[in-house]
């Protein structure tokens, strides 16, 4: 009985740790839905922000993604890693600056086979800041370095 109780406690702690990691490295809601339901295939392949639907959803590493069609879902499932948002879907400019911010899923840039999402609110248009900087390589290299640490921290 004691071993069963210890094992159950271990499973609870382990599953919480996995869930916490998902929240640290992915900009997801309480239902583990990424990109606020927008299709990662639409961003990457079409350069469009298109809302997916529940009928065409897929789970990858405990994160749920929605798609606009069964064909998009199938493409994603063949190679999910190539369709994941940069920086777990957090604001690319924020990661460049050393912080994690939620994004507006309609504010993004596709470049070199990757897509980057940005914060946009009444006070700040982070996509415009990224564009104004006019040095995508410098911004993304710095953001890549920062992401190694930020992906392990809570938002």
Protein backbone atom coordinates (compact mmCIF):
# COMPACT_ATOMS: atom_id res chain seq x y z
CA UNK A 1 0.00 0.00 0.00
CA UNK A 2 2.80 2.40 0.91
CA UNK A 3 4.60 1.73 -2.41
CA UNK A 4 1.37 2.37 -4.32
CA UNK A 5 0.90 5.69 -2.52
CA UNK A 6 4.49 6.76 -3.25
CA UNK A 7 4.12 5.71 -6.89
CA UNK A 8 0.87 7.70 -7.22
CA UNK A 9 2.52 10.76 -5.67
CA UNK A 10 5.44 10.41 -8.08
CA UNK A 11 3.08 10.23 -11.06
CA UNK A 12 1.23 13.34 -9.93
CA UNK A 13 4.45 15.31 -9.48
CA UNK A 14 5.85 14.04 -12.79
CA UNK A 15 2.67 14.83 -14.74
CA UNK A 16 2.55 18.30 -13.20
CA UNK A 17 6.17 18.84 -14.21
CA UNK A 18 5.44 17.84 -17.79
CA UNK A 19 2.41 20.14 -17.90
CA UNK A 20 4.39 23.01 -16.40
CA UNK A 21 7.07 22.47 -19.05
CA UNK A 22 4.44 22.67 -21.79
CA UNK A 23 3.33 26.04 -20.40
CA UNK A 24 6.89 27.30 -20.17
CA UNK A 25 7.91 26.44 -23.73
CA UNK A 26 4.55 26.95 -25.45
CA UNK A 27 2.18 29.89 -25.61
CA UNK A 28 -0.96 27.84 -24.95
CA UNK A 29 -4.28 28.39 -23.23
CA UNK A 30 -5.69 26.30 -20.37
CA UNK A 31 -6.88 23.68 -22.88
CA UNK A 32 -3.34 23.32 -24.30
CA UNK A 33 -4.49 24.88 -27.59
CA UNK A 34 -1.67 26.60 -29.45
CA UNK A 35 -1.86 29.65 -31.68
CA UNK A 36 -5.34 30.50 -30.36
CA UNK A 37 -6.63 27.87 -32.78
CA UNK A 38 -4.94 29.24 -35.88
CA UNK A 39 -3.44 26.71 -38.29
CA UNK A 40 0.36 26.31 -38.19
CA UNK A 41 0.25 24.93 -41.74
CA UNK A 42 -1.49 28.07 -42.98
CA UNK A 43 1.25 30.24 -41.47
CA UNK A 44 4.13 28.15 -42.78
CA UNK A 45 2.89 27.02 -46.20
CA UNK A 46 0.45 29.76 -47.22
CA UNK A 47 1.72 32.82 -45.34
CA UNK A 48 -1.79 33.32 -43.98
CA UNK A 49 -3.33 33.51 -40.53
CA UNK A 50 -6.30 31.14 -40.84
CA UNK A 51 -8.39 29.91 -37.95
CA UNK A 52 -8.54 26.12 -37.76
CA UNK A 53 -11.55 24.07 -36.66
CA UNK A 54 -12.07 21.44 -33.96
CA UNK A 55 -12.88 18.74 -36.52
CA UNK A 56 -9.28 18.94 -37.79
CA UNK A 57 -7.09 18.94 -34.72
CA UNK A 58 -3.90 17.17 -33.85
CA UNK A 59 -1.83 16.83 -30.71
CA UNK A 60 1.94 17.06 -30.70
CA UNK A 61 3.89 16.79 -27.44
CA UNK A 62 0.71 17.48 -25.44
CA UNK A 63 -0.04 20.68 -27.36
CA UNK A 64 -3.18 20.85 -29.52
CA UNK A 65 -3.14 22.41 -33.00
CA UNK A 66 -6.16 23.15 -35.21
CA UNK A 67 -6.22 23.07 -39.00
CA UNK A 68 -8.49 24.29 -41.78
CA UNK A 69 -8.77 20.88 -43.46
CA UNK A 70 -7.97 17.19 -43.20
CA UNK A 71 -5.22 17.74 -45.77
CA UNK A 72 -3.51 20.33 -43.56
CA UNK A 73 -3.78 18.03 -40.56
CA UNK A 74 -2.16 15.18 -42.54
CA UNK A 75 0.70 17.43 -43.69
CA UNK A 76 1.35 18.53 -40.10
CA UNK A 77 1.27 14.98 -38.75
CA UNK A 78 3.92 13.85 -41.27
CA UNK A 79 6.44 16.43 -39.99
CA UNK A 80 5.11 18.44 -37.04
CA UNK A 81 8.49 19.91 -36.06
CA UNK A 82 8.69 21.90 -39.30
CA UNK A 83 5.33 23.57 -38.57
CA UNK A 84 5.86 24.64 -34.97
CA UNK A 85 5.96 28.39 -34.30
CA UNK A 86 9.26 29.95 -33.37
CA UNK A 87 9.74 30.50 -29.63
CA UNK A 88 6.75 28.35 -28.75
CA UNK A 89 4.40 30.96 -30.22
CA UNK A 90 5.53 33.74 -27.87
CA UNK A 91 6.30 37.19 -29.25
CA UNK A 92 9.52 37.04 -31.27
CA UNK A 93 10.46 40.63 -30.44
CA UNK A 94 9.80 39.98 -26.77
CA UNK A 95 12.09 36.93 -26.84
CA UNK A 96 14.71 39.06 -28.60
CA UNK A 97 14.38 41.56 -25.72
CA UNK A 98 14.56 38.76 -23.13
CA UNK A 99 10.90 38.33 -22.13
CA UNK A 100 7.86 36.23 -23.06
CA UNK A 101 4.67 37.95 -24.20
CA UNK A 102 1.37 36.65 -25.58
CA UNK A 103 0.77 37.34 -29.23
CA UNK A 104 -1.88 38.48 -31.64
CA UNK A 105 -2.13 35.43 -33.95
CA UNK A 106 -2.80 37.69 -36.94
CA UNK A 107 0.53 39.51 -36.49
CA UNK A 108 3.29 37.33 -37.89
CA UNK A 109 6.17 37.16 -40.34
CA UNK A 110 7.15 34.15 -42.44
CA UNK A 111 10.83 34.00 -43.31
CA UNK A 112 13.19 31.21 -44.36
CA UNK A 113 10.59 28.49 -43.81
CA UNK A 114 9.76 29.67 -40.28
CA UNK A 115 7.11 31.92 -38.85
CA UNK A 116 7.35 34.39 -36.01
CA UNK A 117 4.41 35.75 -34.02
CA UNK A 118 4.18 39.18 -32.38
CA UNK A 119 2.49 41.09 -29.60
CA UNK A 120 0.08 43.75 -30.77
CA UNK A 121 -1.99 45.96 -28.53
CA UNK A 122 -2.96 49.62 -28.17
CA UNK A 123 0.50 50.55 -26.93
CA UNK A 124 2.83 48.34 -28.94
CA UNK A 125 3.08 46.75 -32.37
CA UNK A 126 6.04 44.39 -31.92
CA UNK A 127 5.92 43.24 -35.54
CA UNK A 128 6.54 46.81 -36.64
CA UNK A 129 9.48 47.07 -34.23
CA UNK A 130 10.97 43.90 -35.74
CA UNK A 131 10.50 45.22 -39.29
CA UNK A 132 11.87 48.66 -38.39
CA UNK A 133 15.02 47.10 -36.96
CA UNK A 134 15.65 45.78 -40.51
CA UNK A 135 18.06 43.03 -39.43
CA UNK A 136 16.12 39.77 -39.22
CA UNK A 137 19.27 37.68 -38.84
CA UNK A 138 20.55 39.68 -35.86
CA UNK A 139 17.13 39.71 -34.19
CA UNK A 140 16.49 36.00 -34.69
CA UNK A 141 20.02 34.99 -33.62
CA UNK A 142 19.66 36.94 -30.37
CA UNK A 143 16.14 35.61 -29.85
CA UNK A 144 17.38 32.04 -30.45
CA UNK A 145 20.01 32.48 -27.73
CA UNK A 146 17.52 34.05 -25.32
CA UNK A 147 14.96 31.31 -26.01
CA UNK A 148 17.28 28.63 -24.62
CA UNK A 149 16.81 30.19 -21.16
CA UNK A 150 13.30 31.60 -21.57
CA UNK A 151 11.83 28.27 -22.68
CA UNK A 152 12.62 26.94 -19.21
CA UNK A 153 10.93 29.78 -17.30
CA UNK A 154 7.32 30.54 -16.45
CA UNK A 155 5.62 33.36 -18.26
